[in-house]
């Protein structure tokens, strides 16, 4: 990826942060169209700025993962890497700020882990309608992570709505400890979002 293309990716992110929601969406779409042409329709995780890495999906359909490394000076640096997790239904996706906020996730999240599922506040946001029905990319990821712990996310979210105190018991009784499961260790899932209670609109893709 050229320096200019990398710069446009970063600028599009900054414009979204500085603009009103309506204008942010317009700007994102404009830059998305530009980048699609500039990249020839190919997005590689290794070419994405670290600010846009987490929860993104490359043209190959593989999820991007923000990783840390230690250069010679000993300071912690970040790099965007391609994981082995395949999402066949949502290639070329960069998650929106609206969904990041609605689902309670951060762009600086390192790796792909189930740790957040053990946090009641996060589970509450994930299962709330703005995230659960409107952010299929994030829900798809945590659907798989929950399966890795022997938990069916729609059932978990139903318990969250009716009896939130049972949610942590459900996870703990599954036999998995926080941090013990990573989606990278699971078999890829291509259409698990169809098992959710309602169809969700697609994330903005480029």
N, C-alpha and C. Protein backbone atom coordinates (compact mmCIF):
# COMPACT_ATOMS: atom_id res chain seq x y z
N UNK A 1 0.84 -1.18 0.00
CA UNK A 1 0.00 0.00 0.00
C UNK A 1 0.88 1.24 0.00
N UNK A 2 0.55 2.23 -0.81
CA UNK A 2 1.34 3.44 -0.89
C UNK A 2 1.15 4.29 0.36
N UNK A 3 2.08 5.23 0.55
CA UNK A 3 1.98 6.15 1.69
C UNK A 3 0.69 6.96 1.60
N UNK A 4 0.31 7.39 0.41
CA UNK A 4 -0.91 8.20 0.25
C UNK A 4 -2.15 7.43 0.65
N UNK A 5 -2.21 6.15 0.25
CA UNK A 5 -3.37 5.34 0.61
C UNK A 5 -3.46 5.15 2.11
N UNK A 6 -2.33 4.88 2.75
CA UNK A 6 -2.30 4.74 4.20
C UNK A 6 -2.75 6.04 4.87
N UNK A 7 -2.32 7.15 4.31
CA UNK A 7 -2.69 8.45 4.87
C UNK A 7 -4.18 8.68 4.74
N UNK A 8 -4.76 8.32 3.59
CA UNK A 8 -6.20 8.50 3.42
C UNK A 8 -6.99 7.66 4.40
N UNK A 9 -6.53 6.45 4.70
CA UNK A 9 -7.19 5.62 5.70
C UNK A 9 -7.20 6.32 7.06
N UNK A 10 -6.05 6.87 7.42
CA UNK A 10 -5.95 7.53 8.71
C UNK A 10 -6.80 8.80 8.75
N UNK A 11 -6.77 9.57 7.67
CA UNK A 11 -7.55 10.81 7.62
C UNK A 11 -9.04 10.52 7.71
N UNK A 12 -9.50 9.46 7.04
CA UNK A 12 -10.92 9.13 7.08
C UNK A 12 -11.36 8.85 8.50
N UNK A 13 -10.51 8.17 9.26
CA UNK A 13 -10.81 7.88 10.66
C UNK A 13 -10.89 9.16 11.48
N UNK A 14 -9.95 10.06 11.26
CA UNK A 14 -9.93 11.31 12.02
C UNK A 14 -11.12 12.19 11.68
N UNK A 15 -11.52 12.21 10.41
CA UNK A 15 -12.68 13.00 10.02
C UNK A 15 -13.95 12.49 10.69
N UNK A 16 -14.07 11.18 10.80
CA UNK A 16 -15.23 10.59 11.46
C UNK A 16 -15.28 11.03 12.92
N UNK A 17 -14.17 11.03 13.58
CA UNK A 17 -14.13 11.40 14.99
C UNK A 17 -14.49 12.86 15.19
N UNK A 18 -14.17 13.71 14.21
CA UNK A 18 -14.35 15.14 14.39
C UNK A 18 -15.69 15.65 13.87
N UNK A 19 -16.45 14.84 13.19
CA UNK A 19 -17.65 15.32 12.52
C UNK A 19 -18.91 14.87 13.22
N UNK A 20 -20.05 15.47 12.83
CA UNK A 20 -21.34 15.03 13.32
C UNK A 20 -21.63 13.65 12.77
N UNK A 21 -22.52 12.87 13.41
CA UNK A 21 -22.80 11.51 12.93
C UNK A 21 -23.22 11.45 11.47
N UNK A 22 -24.09 12.36 11.04
CA UNK A 22 -24.56 12.34 9.66
C UNK A 22 -23.41 12.62 8.70
N UNK A 23 -22.64 13.66 9.00
CA UNK A 23 -21.51 14.00 8.12
C UNK A 23 -20.44 12.92 8.18
N UNK A 24 -20.27 12.30 9.35
CA UNK A 24 -19.27 11.23 9.48
C UNK A 24 -19.60 10.08 8.54
N UNK A 25 -20.88 9.71 8.47
CA UNK A 25 -21.28 8.62 7.60
C UNK A 25 -21.02 8.96 6.14
N UNK A 26 -21.33 10.18 5.75
CA UNK A 26 -21.10 10.62 4.38
C UNK A 26 -19.61 10.56 4.05
N UNK A 27 -18.79 11.10 4.95
CA UNK A 27 -17.35 11.12 4.73
C UNK A 27 -16.79 9.71 4.66
N UNK A 28 -17.29 8.84 5.52
CA UNK A 28 -16.81 7.46 5.52
C UNK A 28 -17.12 6.78 4.20
N UNK A 29 -18.32 6.99 3.69
CA UNK A 29 -18.70 6.37 2.43
C UNK A 29 -17.85 6.91 1.27
N UNK A 30 -17.61 8.22 1.29
CA UNK A 30 -16.80 8.84 0.23
C UNK A 30 -15.39 8.27 0.24
N UNK A 31 -14.78 8.23 1.41
CA UNK A 31 -13.43 7.70 1.51
C UNK A 31 -13.39 6.21 1.22
N UNK A 32 -14.45 5.50 1.58
CA UNK A 32 -14.51 4.07 1.29
C UNK A 32 -14.46 3.82 -0.20
N UNK A 33 -15.25 4.60 -0.95
CA UNK A 33 -15.26 4.45 -2.40
C UNK A 33 -13.90 4.79 -2.99
N UNK A 34 -13.28 5.85 -2.46
CA UNK A 34 -11.96 6.24 -2.96
C UNK A 34 -10.95 5.12 -2.70
N UNK A 35 -10.97 4.60 -1.48
CA UNK A 35 -9.99 3.58 -1.12
C UNK A 35 -10.20 2.29 -1.89
N UNK A 36 -11.45 1.97 -2.16
CA UNK A 36 -11.72 0.75 -2.94
C UNK A 36 -11.05 0.84 -4.30
N UNK A 37 -11.14 2.03 -4.90
CA UNK A 37 -10.48 2.22 -6.19
C UNK A 37 -8.98 2.25 -6.06
N UNK A 38 -8.49 2.92 -5.01
CA UNK A 38 -7.05 3.06 -4.81
C UNK A 38 -6.39 1.72 -4.52
N UNK A 39 -7.10 0.86 -3.81
CA UNK A 39 -6.54 -0.43 -3.44
C UNK A 39 -6.82 -1.52 -4.46
N UNK A 40 -7.59 -1.18 -5.47
CA UNK A 40 -7.95 -2.19 -6.44
C UNK A 40 -8.86 -3.26 -5.85
N UNK A 41 -9.62 -2.87 -4.81
CA UNK A 41 -10.55 -3.79 -4.19
C UNK A 41 -9.91 -4.76 -3.22
N UNK A 42 -8.61 -4.57 -2.88
CA UNK A 42 -7.92 -5.48 -1.98
C UNK A 42 -7.50 -4.77 -0.71
N UNK A 43 -7.90 -5.34 0.44
CA UNK A 43 -7.51 -4.81 1.73
C UNK A 43 -6.72 -5.88 2.46
N UNK A 44 -5.54 -5.52 2.91
CA UNK A 44 -4.68 -6.42 3.66
C UNK A 44 -4.55 -5.90 5.09
N UNK A 45 -4.65 -6.78 6.07
CA UNK A 45 -4.53 -6.36 7.47
C UNK A 45 -3.19 -5.69 7.74
N UNK A 46 -2.14 -6.25 7.15
CA UNK A 46 -0.80 -5.70 7.39
C UNK A 46 -0.65 -4.28 6.87
N UNK A 47 -1.52 -3.84 5.95
CA UNK A 47 -1.44 -2.49 5.41
C UNK A 47 -2.32 -1.50 6.14
N UNK A 48 -3.18 -1.98 7.03
CA UNK A 48 -4.07 -1.07 7.75
C UNK A 48 -3.33 -0.35 8.87
N UNK A 49 -3.64 0.93 9.10
CA UNK A 49 -3.09 1.62 10.28
C UNK A 49 -3.58 0.89 11.54
N UNK A 50 -2.78 0.90 12.59
CA UNK A 50 -3.18 0.22 13.82
C UNK A 50 -4.48 0.78 14.38
N UNK A 51 -4.78 2.05 14.08
CA UNK A 51 -6.01 2.67 14.58
C UNK A 51 -7.27 2.05 13.98
N UNK A 52 -7.12 1.33 12.87
CA UNK A 52 -8.27 0.74 12.20
C UNK A 52 -8.22 -0.79 12.17
N UNK A 53 -7.30 -1.36 12.91
CA UNK A 53 -7.04 -2.80 12.80
C UNK A 53 -8.11 -3.66 13.48
N UNK A 54 -8.32 -3.46 14.77
CA UNK A 54 -9.21 -4.34 15.53
C UNK A 54 -10.62 -4.36 14.93
N UNK A 55 -11.18 -5.55 14.81
CA UNK A 55 -12.54 -5.79 14.31
C UNK A 55 -12.68 -5.51 12.81
N UNK A 56 -11.55 -5.37 12.11
CA UNK A 56 -11.59 -5.24 10.65
C UNK A 56 -11.47 -6.62 10.01
N UNK A 57 -11.95 -6.73 8.77
CA UNK A 57 -11.87 -7.98 8.01
C UNK A 57 -11.25 -7.68 6.65
N UNK A 58 -10.22 -8.43 6.29
CA UNK A 58 -9.51 -8.21 5.03
C UNK A 58 -10.31 -8.73 3.84
N UNK A 59 -9.84 -8.42 2.65
CA UNK A 59 -10.48 -8.90 1.42
C UNK A 59 -10.51 -10.42 1.36
N UNK A 60 -9.54 -11.05 1.99
CA UNK A 60 -9.48 -12.51 2.02
C UNK A 60 -10.57 -13.12 2.88
N UNK A 61 -11.26 -12.27 3.69
CA UNK A 61 -12.27 -12.77 4.61
C UNK A 61 -11.70 -13.10 5.98
N UNK A 62 -10.39 -12.91 6.16
CA UNK A 62 -9.76 -13.21 7.45
C UNK A 62 -9.80 -11.98 8.35
N UNK A 63 -10.03 -12.22 9.62
CA UNK A 63 -10.08 -11.13 10.58
C UNK A 63 -8.69 -10.56 10.85
N UNK A 64 -8.65 -9.27 11.10
CA UNK A 64 -7.40 -8.61 11.47
C UNK A 64 -7.26 -8.63 12.98
N UNK A 65 -6.03 -8.71 13.44
CA UNK A 65 -5.76 -8.75 14.88
C UNK A 65 -4.64 -7.78 15.22
N UNK A 66 -4.89 -6.92 16.20
CA UNK A 66 -3.87 -5.97 16.65
C UNK A 66 -2.93 -6.70 17.60
N UNK A 67 -1.64 -6.71 17.28
CA UNK A 67 -0.66 -7.43 18.08
C UNK A 67 0.43 -6.48 18.56
N UNK A 68 1.09 -6.87 19.64
CA UNK A 68 2.20 -6.07 20.17
C UNK A 68 3.53 -6.76 19.87
N UNK A 69 4.57 -5.95 19.80
CA UNK A 69 5.92 -6.50 19.66
C UNK A 69 6.89 -5.52 20.30
N UNK A 70 8.08 -6.00 20.62
CA UNK A 70 9.09 -5.19 21.29
C UNK A 70 10.26 -4.96 20.34
N UNK A 71 10.41 -3.73 19.84
CA UNK A 71 11.59 -3.42 19.02
C UNK A 71 12.84 -3.39 19.89
N UNK A 72 13.97 -3.09 19.28
CA UNK A 72 15.24 -3.15 20.01
C UNK A 72 15.32 -2.17 21.17
N UNK A 73 14.60 -1.04 21.07
CA UNK A 73 14.68 -0.06 22.15
C UNK A 73 13.82 -0.45 23.35
N UNK A 74 13.07 -1.55 23.25
CA UNK A 74 12.31 -2.05 24.39
C UNK A 74 10.93 -1.45 24.58
N UNK A 75 10.53 -0.50 23.75
CA UNK A 75 9.21 0.09 23.86
C UNK A 75 8.19 -0.80 23.17
N UNK A 76 6.97 -0.80 23.70
CA UNK A 76 5.91 -1.63 23.13
C UNK A 76 5.35 -0.97 21.88
N UNK A 77 5.34 -1.68 20.77
CA UNK A 77 4.78 -1.18 19.52
C UNK A 77 3.64 -2.09 19.09
N UNK A 78 2.79 -1.55 18.21
CA UNK A 78 1.63 -2.30 17.73
C UNK A 78 1.74 -2.54 16.22
N UNK A 79 1.22 -3.66 15.79
CA UNK A 79 1.16 -3.95 14.36
C UNK A 79 -0.12 -4.72 14.07
N UNK A 80 -0.64 -4.53 12.87
CA UNK A 80 -1.86 -5.20 12.46
C UNK A 80 -1.49 -6.47 11.69
N UNK A 81 -2.01 -7.60 12.14
CA UNK A 81 -1.67 -8.88 11.53
C UNK A 81 -2.94 -9.61 11.06
N UNK A 82 -2.76 -10.48 10.09
CA UNK A 82 -3.87 -11.31 9.60
C UNK A 82 -3.99 -12.55 10.45
N UNK A 83 -5.19 -12.78 11.00
CA UNK A 83 -5.42 -13.99 11.79
C UNK A 83 -5.85 -15.12 10.86
N UNK A 84 -6.09 -16.29 11.42
CA UNK A 84 -6.56 -17.43 10.64
C UNK A 84 -8.08 -17.58 10.73
N UNK A 85 -8.73 -16.61 11.33
CA UNK A 85 -10.19 -16.67 11.50
C UNK A 85 -10.87 -16.13 10.24
N UNK A 86 -11.68 -16.94 9.60
CA UNK A 86 -12.33 -16.57 8.35
C UNK A 86 -13.80 -16.24 8.58
N UNK A 87 -14.24 -15.11 8.00
CA UNK A 87 -15.65 -14.72 8.03
C UNK A 87 -16.08 -14.57 6.58
N UNK A 88 -16.76 -15.56 6.04
CA UNK A 88 -17.05 -15.59 4.61
C UNK A 88 -18.08 -14.55 4.18
N UNK A 89 -18.94 -14.12 5.11
CA UNK A 89 -20.06 -13.27 4.72
C UNK A 89 -19.77 -11.77 4.79
N UNK A 90 -18.62 -11.36 5.35
CA UNK A 90 -18.36 -9.93 5.53
C UNK A 90 -16.93 -9.53 5.18
N UNK A 91 -16.45 -9.81 3.97
CA UNK A 91 -15.08 -9.39 3.64
C UNK A 91 -15.00 -7.88 3.49
N UNK A 92 -13.79 -7.36 3.61
CA UNK A 92 -13.52 -5.93 3.39
C UNK A 92 -14.38 -5.05 4.30
N UNK A 93 -14.33 -5.34 5.60
CA UNK A 93 -15.10 -4.60 6.58
C UNK A 93 -14.19 -3.85 7.54
N UNK A 94 -14.49 -2.58 7.74
CA UNK A 94 -13.87 -1.80 8.81
C UNK A 94 -15.01 -1.32 9.69
N UNK A 95 -15.00 -1.75 10.95
CA UNK A 95 -16.13 -1.47 11.83
C UNK A 95 -16.31 0.01 12.07
N UNK A 96 -17.56 0.44 12.21
CA UNK A 96 -17.87 1.85 12.43
C UNK A 96 -17.67 2.23 13.90
N UNK A 97 -17.46 3.52 14.12
CA UNK A 97 -17.34 4.02 15.49
C UNK A 97 -18.64 3.82 16.25
N UNK A 98 -19.77 3.91 15.55
CA UNK A 98 -21.07 3.75 16.20
C UNK A 98 -21.20 2.35 16.79
N UNK A 99 -20.79 1.34 16.03
CA UNK A 99 -20.88 -0.04 16.54
C UNK A 99 -19.84 -0.30 17.63
N UNK A 100 -18.66 0.27 17.50
CA UNK A 100 -17.66 0.11 18.55
C UNK A 100 -18.20 0.61 19.87
N UNK A 101 -18.87 1.77 19.83
CA UNK A 101 -19.43 2.36 21.04
C UNK A 101 -20.63 1.55 21.53
N UNK A 102 -21.52 1.18 20.61
CA UNK A 102 -22.74 0.46 21.00
C UNK A 102 -22.41 -0.89 21.65
N UNK A 103 -21.36 -1.54 21.18
CA UNK A 103 -21.02 -2.87 21.69
C UNK A 103 -20.00 -2.84 22.83
N UNK A 104 -19.47 -1.66 23.13
CA UNK A 104 -18.54 -1.54 24.24
C UNK A 104 -17.17 -2.11 23.99
N UNK A 105 -16.71 -2.05 22.73
CA UNK A 105 -15.37 -2.53 22.39
C UNK A 105 -14.47 -1.36 22.01
N UNK A 106 -13.17 -1.61 22.01
CA UNK A 106 -12.19 -0.56 21.75
C UNK A 106 -11.35 -0.89 20.53
N UNK A 107 -10.96 0.14 19.80
CA UNK A 107 -10.11 -0.07 18.62
C UNK A 107 -8.70 -0.49 19.00
N UNK A 108 -8.30 -0.26 20.23
CA UNK A 108 -6.96 -0.67 20.64
C UNK A 108 -6.95 -2.03 21.32
N UNK A 109 -8.02 -2.83 21.10
CA UNK A 109 -8.08 -4.18 21.67
C UNK A 109 -6.99 -5.05 21.04
N UNK A 110 -6.18 -5.67 21.85
CA UNK A 110 -5.07 -6.49 21.37
C UNK A 110 -5.50 -7.95 21.30
N UNK A 111 -5.25 -8.58 20.15
CA UNK A 111 -5.58 -9.98 19.98
C UNK A 111 -7.07 -10.22 19.83
N UNK A 112 -7.44 -11.50 19.78
CA UNK A 112 -8.85 -11.91 19.67
C UNK A 112 -9.11 -12.89 20.80
N UNK A 113 -9.82 -12.44 21.83
CA UNK A 113 -9.98 -13.23 23.04
C UNK A 113 -11.41 -13.15 23.57
N UNK A 114 -11.77 -14.14 24.38
CA UNK A 114 -13.10 -14.20 24.98
C UNK A 114 -13.16 -13.50 26.33
N UNK A 115 -12.09 -12.86 26.75
CA UNK A 115 -12.05 -12.25 28.08
C UNK A 115 -13.25 -11.36 28.36
N UNK A 116 -13.64 -10.55 27.38
CA UNK A 116 -14.71 -9.57 27.61
C UNK A 116 -16.04 -10.22 27.95
N UNK A 117 -16.25 -11.45 27.50
CA UNK A 117 -17.52 -12.12 27.78
C UNK A 117 -17.72 -12.37 29.27
N UNK A 118 -16.66 -12.29 30.05
CA UNK A 118 -16.76 -12.51 31.48
C UNK A 118 -16.99 -11.20 32.24
N UNK A 119 -17.19 -10.11 31.51
CA UNK A 119 -17.46 -8.82 32.13
C UNK A 119 -18.94 -8.48 31.97
N UNK A 120 -19.69 -8.40 33.08
CA UNK A 120 -21.14 -8.17 33.01
C UNK A 120 -21.51 -6.92 32.20
N UNK A 121 -20.74 -5.84 32.35
CA UNK A 121 -21.06 -4.61 31.65
C UNK A 121 -20.94 -4.80 30.14
N UNK A 122 -19.91 -5.52 29.71
CA UNK A 122 -19.73 -5.76 28.28
C UNK A 122 -20.85 -6.65 27.74
N UNK A 123 -21.15 -7.73 28.44
CA UNK A 123 -22.20 -8.63 27.98
C UNK A 123 -23.53 -7.92 27.85
N UNK A 124 -23.79 -7.00 28.78
CA UNK A 124 -25.03 -6.22 28.73
C UNK A 124 -25.10 -5.38 27.46
N UNK A 125 -23.98 -4.76 27.08
CA UNK A 125 -23.95 -3.94 25.86
C UNK A 125 -24.03 -4.82 24.61
N UNK A 126 -23.31 -5.93 24.61
CA UNK A 126 -23.31 -6.82 23.46
C UNK A 126 -24.71 -7.33 23.16
N UNK A 127 -25.47 -7.63 24.20
CA UNK A 127 -26.81 -8.20 24.03
C UNK A 127 -27.90 -7.15 23.84
N UNK A 128 -27.58 -5.89 24.05
CA UNK A 128 -28.57 -4.83 23.88
C UNK A 128 -28.88 -4.65 22.39
N UNK A 129 -30.11 -4.29 22.02
CA UNK A 129 -30.51 -4.18 20.61
C UNK A 129 -29.59 -3.36 19.71
N UNK A 130 -29.07 -2.19 20.14
CA UNK A 130 -28.20 -1.41 19.24
C UNK A 130 -27.00 -2.21 18.73
N UNK A 131 -26.44 -3.06 19.58
CA UNK A 131 -25.30 -3.88 19.16
C UNK A 131 -25.77 -5.20 18.56
N UNK A 132 -26.59 -5.92 19.27
CA UNK A 132 -26.99 -7.27 18.89
C UNK A 132 -27.72 -7.32 17.55
N UNK A 133 -28.53 -6.30 17.29
CA UNK A 133 -29.30 -6.27 16.04
C UNK A 133 -28.68 -5.39 14.97
N UNK A 134 -27.74 -4.52 15.35
CA UNK A 134 -27.22 -3.57 14.38
C UNK A 134 -25.75 -3.69 14.03
N UNK A 135 -25.03 -4.61 14.70
CA UNK A 135 -23.59 -4.70 14.47
C UNK A 135 -23.18 -6.16 14.23
N UNK A 136 -23.52 -6.72 13.08
CA UNK A 136 -23.30 -8.15 12.83
C UNK A 136 -21.84 -8.58 12.87
N UNK A 137 -20.92 -7.69 12.52
CA UNK A 137 -19.50 -8.07 12.53
C UNK A 137 -19.04 -8.41 13.95
N UNK A 138 -19.34 -7.54 14.90
CA UNK A 138 -18.92 -7.75 16.28
C UNK A 138 -19.68 -8.91 16.90
N UNK A 139 -20.99 -8.99 16.62
CA UNK A 139 -21.80 -10.08 17.16
C UNK A 139 -21.31 -11.42 16.61
N UNK A 140 -20.95 -11.46 15.34
CA UNK A 140 -20.42 -12.68 14.72
C UNK A 140 -19.17 -13.17 15.45
N UNK A 141 -18.28 -12.23 15.76
CA UNK A 141 -17.04 -12.59 16.45
C UNK A 141 -17.33 -13.20 17.82
N UNK A 142 -18.17 -12.53 18.61
CA UNK A 142 -18.43 -13.02 19.96
C UNK A 142 -19.37 -14.22 19.97
N UNK A 143 -20.14 -14.40 18.90
CA UNK A 143 -20.91 -15.63 18.74
C UNK A 143 -19.95 -16.83 18.74
N UNK A 144 -18.87 -16.70 17.94
CA UNK A 144 -17.87 -17.76 17.85
C UNK A 144 -17.11 -17.95 19.17
N UNK A 145 -16.75 -16.83 19.80
CA UNK A 145 -16.02 -16.91 21.05
C UNK A 145 -16.86 -17.60 22.13
N UNK A 146 -18.15 -17.27 22.16
CA UNK A 146 -19.04 -17.92 23.13
C UNK A 146 -19.16 -19.41 22.85
N UNK A 147 -19.27 -19.77 21.56
CA UNK A 147 -19.33 -21.20 21.21
C UNK A 147 -18.09 -21.93 21.69
N UNK A 148 -16.94 -21.26 21.62
CA UNK A 148 -15.70 -21.87 22.07
C UNK A 148 -15.72 -22.18 23.56
N UNK A 149 -16.61 -21.52 24.30
CA UNK A 149 -16.75 -21.78 25.73
C UNK A 149 -17.98 -22.64 26.01
N UNK A 150 -18.57 -23.17 24.95
CA UNK A 150 -19.73 -24.03 25.13
C UNK A 150 -21.02 -23.30 25.41
N UNK A 151 -21.08 -22.02 24.99
CA UNK A 151 -22.25 -21.19 25.26
C UNK A 151 -22.83 -20.69 23.94
N UNK A 152 -24.15 -20.77 23.80
CA UNK A 152 -24.84 -20.28 22.60
C UNK A 152 -25.24 -18.83 22.86
N UNK A 153 -24.68 -17.89 22.10
CA UNK A 153 -24.85 -16.47 22.38
C UNK A 153 -26.32 -16.03 22.46
N UNK A 154 -27.20 -16.44 21.53
CA UNK A 154 -28.61 -16.02 21.67
C UNK A 154 -29.22 -16.44 23.00
N UNK A 155 -28.88 -17.65 23.48
CA UNK A 155 -29.39 -18.08 24.78
C UNK A 155 -28.80 -17.24 25.90
N UNK A 156 -27.51 -16.93 25.78
CA UNK A 156 -26.85 -16.11 26.79
C UNK A 156 -27.49 -14.73 26.86
N UNK A 157 -27.79 -14.17 25.70
CA UNK A 157 -28.39 -12.83 25.66
C UNK A 157 -29.82 -12.85 26.20
N UNK A 158 -30.53 -13.95 25.98
CA UNK A 158 -31.87 -14.07 26.54
C UNK A 158 -31.81 -14.08 28.07
N UNK A 159 -30.83 -14.78 28.61
CA UNK A 159 -30.64 -14.79 30.06
C UNK A 159 -30.22 -13.41 30.56
N UNK A 160 -29.43 -12.71 29.73
CA UNK A 160 -29.01 -11.37 30.10
C UNK A 160 -30.21 -10.44 30.24
N UNK A 161 -31.19 -10.62 29.37
CA UNK A 161 -32.38 -9.77 29.41
C UNK A 161 -33.33 -10.15 30.54
N UNK A 162 -33.42 -11.44 30.85
CA UNK A 162 -34.40 -11.89 31.83
C UNK A 162 -33.81 -12.10 33.23
N UNK A 163 -32.56 -12.51 33.29
CA UNK A 163 -31.94 -12.79 34.59
C UNK A 163 -30.43 -12.57 34.48
N UNK A 164 -30.00 -11.31 34.44
CA UNK A 164 -28.57 -11.01 34.21
C UNK A 164 -27.63 -11.62 35.23
N UNK A 165 -28.12 -11.92 36.44
CA UNK A 165 -27.25 -12.48 37.47
C UNK A 165 -26.81 -13.90 37.12
N UNK A 166 -27.54 -14.56 36.21
CA UNK A 166 -27.19 -15.93 35.83
C UNK A 166 -26.16 -16.00 34.72
N UNK A 167 -25.88 -14.86 34.07
CA UNK A 167 -25.00 -14.87 32.90
C UNK A 167 -23.59 -15.34 33.26
N UNK A 168 -23.00 -14.77 34.32
CA UNK A 168 -21.65 -15.16 34.70
C UNK A 168 -21.62 -16.61 35.16
N UNK A 169 -22.68 -17.05 35.85
CA UNK A 169 -22.76 -18.45 36.27
C UNK A 169 -22.75 -19.37 35.06
N UNK A 170 -23.47 -18.95 33.99
CA UNK A 170 -23.53 -19.74 32.77
C UNK A 170 -22.14 -19.90 32.16
N UNK A 171 -21.38 -18.81 32.13
CA UNK A 171 -20.04 -18.86 31.53
C UNK A 171 -19.09 -19.69 32.39
N UNK A 172 -19.14 -19.47 33.70
CA UNK A 172 -18.24 -20.19 34.58
C UNK A 172 -18.55 -21.69 34.60
N UNK A 173 -19.84 -22.03 34.52
CA UNK A 173 -20.21 -23.45 34.54
C UNK A 173 -19.86 -24.16 33.24
N UNK A 174 -19.53 -23.36 32.20
CA UNK A 174 -19.14 -23.97 30.93
C UNK A 174 -17.77 -24.62 31.03
N UNK A 175 -17.02 -24.27 32.09
CA UNK A 175 -15.72 -24.90 32.31
C UNK A 175 -14.56 -24.12 31.75
N UNK A 176 -14.84 -22.97 31.13
CA UNK A 176 -13.76 -22.16 30.56
C UNK A 176 -13.45 -20.99 31.47
N UNK A 177 -12.18 -20.76 31.73
CA UNK A 177 -11.77 -19.63 32.54
C UNK A 177 -11.54 -18.44 31.65
N UNK A 178 -11.70 -17.21 32.19
CA UNK A 178 -11.45 -16.01 31.38
C UNK A 178 -10.06 -16.05 30.76
N UNK A 179 -10.01 -15.77 29.47
CA UNK A 179 -8.74 -15.74 28.76
C UNK A 179 -8.29 -17.09 28.24
N UNK A 180 -9.08 -18.13 28.55
CA UNK A 180 -8.65 -19.47 28.14
C UNK A 180 -8.95 -19.77 26.70
N UNK A 181 -9.86 -19.02 26.10
CA UNK A 181 -10.26 -19.33 24.73
C UNK A 181 -9.96 -18.17 23.80
N UNK A 182 -9.51 -18.51 22.63
CA UNK A 182 -9.29 -17.51 21.59
C UNK A 182 -9.96 -18.00 20.32
N UNK A 183 -10.56 -17.07 19.59
CA UNK A 183 -11.24 -17.47 18.37
C UNK A 183 -10.27 -18.05 17.36
N UNK A 184 -9.01 -17.72 17.47
CA UNK A 184 -8.01 -18.23 16.53
C UNK A 184 -7.87 -19.74 16.64
N UNK A 185 -8.28 -20.30 17.78
CA UNK A 185 -8.14 -21.74 17.97
C UNK A 185 -9.37 -22.51 17.53
N UNK A 186 -10.37 -21.80 17.03
CA UNK A 186 -11.62 -22.42 16.66
C UNK A 186 -11.70 -22.64 15.16
N UNK A 187 -12.59 -23.53 14.76
CA UNK A 187 -12.80 -23.71 13.33
C UNK A 187 -13.54 -22.51 12.78
N UNK A 188 -13.19 -22.01 11.59
CA UNK A 188 -13.84 -20.84 11.03
C UNK A 188 -15.34 -21.07 10.88
N UNK A 189 -16.09 -20.00 11.09
CA UNK A 189 -17.56 -20.08 10.97
C UNK A 189 -18.00 -19.06 9.94
N UNK A 190 -18.80 -19.47 8.98
CA UNK A 190 -19.13 -18.58 7.87
C UNK A 190 -20.50 -17.97 7.94
N UNK A 191 -21.45 -18.63 8.59
CA UNK A 191 -22.82 -18.12 8.55
C UNK A 191 -23.51 -18.20 9.89
N UNK A 192 -22.73 -18.05 10.98
CA UNK A 192 -23.32 -18.19 12.29
C UNK A 192 -24.27 -17.07 12.64
N UNK A 193 -24.13 -15.91 12.01
CA UNK A 193 -25.03 -14.82 12.34
C UNK A 193 -26.46 -15.12 11.94
N UNK A 194 -26.67 -16.09 11.05
CA UNK A 194 -28.02 -16.46 10.66
C UNK A 194 -28.76 -17.15 11.79
N UNK A 195 -28.02 -17.59 12.80
CA UNK A 195 -28.65 -18.25 13.93
C UNK A 195 -29.15 -17.27 14.97
N UNK A 196 -28.86 -15.97 14.80
CA UNK A 196 -29.31 -14.98 15.75
C UNK A 196 -30.80 -14.76 15.63
N UNK A 197 -31.37 -14.12 16.62
CA UNK A 197 -32.82 -13.98 16.69
C UNK A 197 -33.37 -13.13 15.56
N UNK A 198 -32.60 -12.15 15.05
CA UNK A 198 -33.11 -11.28 14.00
C UNK A 198 -31.98 -10.93 13.05
N UNK A 199 -32.34 -10.62 11.81
CA UNK A 199 -31.32 -10.24 10.84
C UNK A 199 -30.81 -8.86 11.16
N UNK A 200 -29.49 -8.68 11.06
CA UNK A 200 -28.89 -7.40 11.37
C UNK A 200 -28.36 -6.75 10.11
N UNK A 201 -28.45 -5.41 10.00
CA UNK A 201 -27.90 -4.72 8.83
C UNK A 201 -26.39 -4.85 8.80
N UNK A 202 -25.84 -4.86 7.61
CA UNK A 202 -24.40 -5.07 7.46
C UNK A 202 -23.62 -3.86 7.92
N UNK A 203 -22.38 -4.10 8.39
CA UNK A 203 -21.48 -3.01 8.72
C UNK A 203 -21.04 -2.33 7.44
N UNK A 204 -20.58 -1.09 7.55
CA UNK A 204 -20.07 -0.39 6.39
C UNK A 204 -18.80 -1.07 5.95
N UNK A 205 -18.73 -1.44 4.69
CA UNK A 205 -17.57 -2.14 4.17
C UNK A 205 -16.91 -1.30 3.09
N UNK A 206 -15.63 -1.60 2.86
CA UNK A 206 -14.94 -0.95 1.75
C UNK A 206 -14.27 -2.00 0.89
